[in-house]
Structure formats: structure tokens, C-alpha cells
Amino acid sequence: MRIKIEPKEFFMYAVFLAFSTEHPDPEDEAIKAYLNAHELIPKAQGTDKFEDQKFEVMYFGGCYLGKQG
């Protein structure tokens, strides 16, 4: 899995979680289960390509993820 955090305006940030569809990491399913169990729904999702690999990408606002305790 790849994680990318990008700054946005007004002290906010965007979090991108990218899961390889060709070479999944062992922790991918646990992370997806955590997101599902806590009803964390991505603001947007889709696919992208990095280093010639396809990835499933989920976008979250940083404030949204930060609310979890």
C-alpha cells in the first residue's frame, strides 16, 4: 500500500490510500476491514497507475480521518 498526504488550503490536507491490484501487501485487507468497520467512506475512489502497476486509490479528507479515536 502507498500513502500520500498532500497539503490543502486553510491548514487542511488530503490523504490518498493506494492499494496495488497486481501485488497486494499483506496488510491491505486489514486496512480495508478497519475502514469498513469504522464506516470510513472515501470522498472519492478510482484507479491509477504508478510505476507500471495498477492501484485502487481512495481519497479522504484529513479532518475526516482525524476524528477517529
N, C-alpha and C. Protein backbone atom coordinates (compact mmCIF):
# COMPACT_ATOMS: atom_id res chain seq x y z
N MET A 1 0.84 -1.17 0.00
CA MET A 1 0.00 0.00 0.00
C MET A 1 0.88 1.24 0.00
N ARG A 2 0.41 2.26 -0.66
CA ARG A 2 1.07 3.57 -0.67
C ARG A 2 0.15 4.56 0.01
N ILE A 3 0.75 5.47 0.76
CA ILE A 3 0.01 6.56 1.39
C ILE A 3 0.63 7.86 0.93
N LYS A 4 -0.21 8.78 0.49
CA LYS A 4 0.26 10.09 0.07
C LYS A 4 -0.58 11.14 0.79
N ILE A 5 0.09 12.09 1.41
CA ILE A 5 -0.58 13.17 2.11
C ILE A 5 -0.20 14.47 1.43
N GLU A 6 -1.21 15.22 0.99
CA GLU A 6 -0.98 16.49 0.29
C GLU A 6 -1.61 17.63 1.07
N PRO A 7 -0.86 18.72 1.24
CA PRO A 7 -1.46 19.88 1.92
C PRO A 7 -2.52 20.52 1.04
N LYS A 8 -3.54 21.07 1.71
CA LYS A 8 -4.59 21.83 1.03
C LYS A 8 -4.66 23.19 1.71
N GLU A 9 -5.56 24.03 1.27
CA GLU A 9 -5.67 25.36 1.87
C GLU A 9 -6.27 25.31 3.26
N PHE A 10 -6.05 26.36 4.04
CA PHE A 10 -6.61 26.52 5.38
C PHE A 10 -6.22 25.40 6.34
N PHE A 11 -4.95 25.02 6.33
CA PHE A 11 -4.40 24.02 7.26
C PHE A 11 -5.05 22.64 7.13
N MET A 12 -5.59 22.36 5.99
CA MET A 12 -6.20 21.06 5.74
C MET A 12 -5.25 20.22 4.90
N TYR A 13 -5.57 18.94 4.79
CA TYR A 13 -4.75 18.06 3.96
C TYR A 13 -5.60 16.94 3.39
N ALA A 14 -5.09 16.35 2.32
CA ALA A 14 -5.75 15.23 1.65
C ALA A 14 -4.93 13.97 1.89
N VAL A 15 -5.61 12.85 2.10
CA VAL A 15 -4.94 11.57 2.30
C VAL A 15 -5.38 10.62 1.19
N PHE A 16 -4.40 10.08 0.49
CA PHE A 16 -4.65 9.12 -0.58
C PHE A 16 -4.10 7.77 -0.14
N LEU A 17 -4.95 6.74 -0.15
CA LEU A 17 -4.52 5.38 0.12
C LEU A 17 -4.57 4.62 -1.20
N ALA A 18 -3.46 4.04 -1.60
CA ALA A 18 -3.39 3.33 -2.88
C ALA A 18 -3.01 1.87 -2.64
N PHE A 19 -3.88 0.98 -3.08
CA PHE A 19 -3.69 -0.46 -2.91
C PHE A 19 -3.38 -1.08 -4.27
N SER A 20 -2.24 -1.77 -4.37
CA SER A 20 -1.87 -2.43 -5.62
C SER A 20 -2.85 -3.54 -5.93
N THR A 21 -3.36 -3.56 -7.15
CA THR A 21 -4.26 -4.65 -7.55
C THR A 21 -3.46 -5.84 -8.07
N GLU A 22 -2.19 -5.60 -8.46
CA GLU A 22 -1.36 -6.66 -9.01
C GLU A 22 -0.50 -7.35 -7.96
N HIS A 23 -0.02 -6.58 -6.98
CA HIS A 23 0.86 -7.11 -5.93
C HIS A 23 0.39 -6.59 -4.57
N PRO A 24 -0.74 -7.10 -4.06
CA PRO A 24 -1.26 -6.59 -2.79
C PRO A 24 -0.30 -6.85 -1.63
N ASP A 25 -0.25 -5.91 -0.70
CA ASP A 25 0.55 -6.07 0.51
C ASP A 25 -0.25 -6.86 1.53
N PRO A 26 0.43 -7.57 2.44
CA PRO A 26 -0.28 -8.39 3.44
C PRO A 26 -1.25 -7.59 4.31
N GLU A 27 -0.95 -6.32 4.58
CA GLU A 27 -1.80 -5.53 5.47
C GLU A 27 -2.99 -4.89 4.76
N ASP A 28 -3.08 -4.96 3.46
CA ASP A 28 -4.16 -4.30 2.71
C ASP A 28 -5.55 -4.70 3.20
N GLU A 29 -5.80 -5.97 3.37
CA GLU A 29 -7.14 -6.42 3.77
C GLU A 29 -7.49 -5.95 5.18
N ALA A 30 -6.50 -5.91 6.08
CA ALA A 30 -6.75 -5.44 7.44
C ALA A 30 -7.10 -3.95 7.42
N ILE A 31 -6.42 -3.18 6.59
CA ILE A 31 -6.70 -1.74 6.48
C ILE A 31 -8.10 -1.52 5.91
N LYS A 32 -8.44 -2.24 4.87
CA LYS A 32 -9.78 -2.11 4.28
C LYS A 32 -10.85 -2.54 5.28
N ALA A 33 -10.58 -3.58 6.07
CA ALA A 33 -11.54 -4.03 7.09
C ALA A 33 -11.72 -2.96 8.16
N TYR A 34 -10.63 -2.29 8.55
CA TYR A 34 -10.71 -1.21 9.53
C TYR A 34 -11.57 -0.06 9.01
N LEU A 35 -11.32 0.34 7.76
CA LEU A 35 -12.10 1.42 7.16
C LEU A 35 -13.58 1.05 7.13
N ASN A 36 -13.86 -0.18 6.75
CA ASN A 36 -15.25 -0.65 6.68
C ASN A 36 -15.89 -0.73 8.07
N ALA A 37 -15.17 -1.27 9.04
CA ALA A 37 -15.71 -1.42 10.40
C ALA A 37 -16.04 -0.07 11.04
N HIS A 38 -15.26 0.96 10.70
CA HIS A 38 -15.47 2.29 11.26
C HIS A 38 -16.28 3.19 10.33
N GLU A 39 -16.86 2.57 9.29
CA GLU A 39 -17.69 3.26 8.31
C GLU A 39 -17.02 4.52 7.75
N LEU A 40 -15.73 4.38 7.44
CA LEU A 40 -14.97 5.47 6.84
C LEU A 40 -15.08 5.35 5.32
N ILE A 41 -15.89 6.20 4.76
CA ILE A 41 -16.20 6.14 3.33
C ILE A 41 -15.33 7.17 2.61
N PRO A 42 -14.60 6.73 1.57
CA PRO A 42 -13.76 7.68 0.84
C PRO A 42 -14.60 8.77 0.17
N LYS A 43 -14.02 9.96 0.12
CA LYS A 43 -14.67 11.08 -0.57
C LYS A 43 -14.72 10.80 -2.07
N ALA A 44 -13.70 10.11 -2.56
CA ALA A 44 -13.62 9.70 -3.97
C ALA A 44 -12.77 8.45 -4.04
N GLN A 45 -12.99 7.66 -5.07
CA GLN A 45 -12.14 6.49 -5.29
C GLN A 45 -12.10 6.16 -6.76
N GLY A 46 -11.05 5.45 -7.13
CA GLY A 46 -10.87 5.08 -8.52
C GLY A 46 -9.61 4.27 -8.68
N THR A 47 -9.09 4.24 -9.89
CA THR A 47 -7.85 3.51 -10.15
C THR A 47 -6.82 4.46 -10.75
N ASP A 48 -5.57 4.09 -10.56
CA ASP A 48 -4.47 4.87 -11.13
C ASP A 48 -3.31 3.93 -11.37
N LYS A 49 -2.30 4.43 -12.05
CA LYS A 49 -1.13 3.62 -12.36
C LYS A 49 0.11 4.32 -11.83
N PHE A 50 0.93 3.60 -11.07
CA PHE A 50 2.21 4.09 -10.56
C PHE A 50 3.25 3.04 -10.88
N GLU A 51 4.38 3.47 -11.39
CA GLU A 51 5.48 2.55 -11.68
C GLU A 51 5.00 1.28 -12.40
N ASP A 52 4.17 1.47 -13.40
CA ASP A 52 3.62 0.39 -14.23
C ASP A 52 2.78 -0.62 -13.46
N GLN A 53 2.19 -0.23 -12.33
CA GLN A 53 1.28 -1.09 -11.58
C GLN A 53 -0.06 -0.39 -11.44
N LYS A 54 -1.14 -1.17 -11.49
CA LYS A 54 -2.48 -0.62 -11.26
C LYS A 54 -2.75 -0.58 -9.76
N PHE A 55 -3.37 0.53 -9.32
CA PHE A 55 -3.72 0.70 -7.93
C PHE A 55 -5.17 1.12 -7.80
N GLU A 56 -5.82 0.62 -6.76
CA GLU A 56 -7.12 1.11 -6.34
C GLU A 56 -6.81 2.26 -5.38
N VAL A 57 -7.33 3.46 -5.64
CA VAL A 57 -7.00 4.64 -4.85
C VAL A 57 -8.24 5.16 -4.15
N MET A 58 -8.08 5.46 -2.85
CA MET A 58 -9.15 6.06 -2.06
C MET A 58 -8.68 7.41 -1.57
N TYR A 59 -9.52 8.43 -1.67
CA TYR A 59 -9.20 9.78 -1.22
C TYR A 59 -10.06 10.12 0.00
N PHE A 60 -9.40 10.61 1.04
CA PHE A 60 -10.08 11.05 2.25
C PHE A 60 -9.59 12.44 2.61
N GLY A 61 -10.45 13.24 3.21
CA GLY A 61 -10.02 14.49 3.81
C GLY A 61 -9.33 14.17 5.14
N GLY A 62 -8.25 14.84 5.44
CA GLY A 62 -7.51 14.58 6.66
C GLY A 62 -8.33 14.79 7.92
N CYS A 63 -9.17 15.80 7.93
CA CYS A 63 -10.03 16.06 9.10
C CYS A 63 -11.00 14.91 9.33
N TYR A 64 -11.49 14.32 8.27
CA TYR A 64 -12.43 13.20 8.35
C TYR A 64 -11.78 12.02 9.04
N LEU A 65 -10.56 11.68 8.63
CA LEU A 65 -9.84 10.55 9.23
C LEU A 65 -9.39 10.88 10.65
N GLY A 66 -9.07 12.13 10.91
CA GLY A 66 -8.58 12.54 12.21
C GLY A 66 -9.59 12.47 13.33
N LYS A 67 -10.88 12.36 13.00
CA LYS A 67 -11.93 12.31 14.01
C LYS A 67 -11.96 10.98 14.76
N GLN A 68 -11.37 9.95 14.19
CA GLN A 68 -11.43 8.63 14.81
C GLN A 68 -10.54 8.57 16.04
N GLY A 69 -11.02 7.96 17.09
CA GLY A 69 -10.27 7.88 18.32
C GLY A 69 -9.90 6.50 18.59
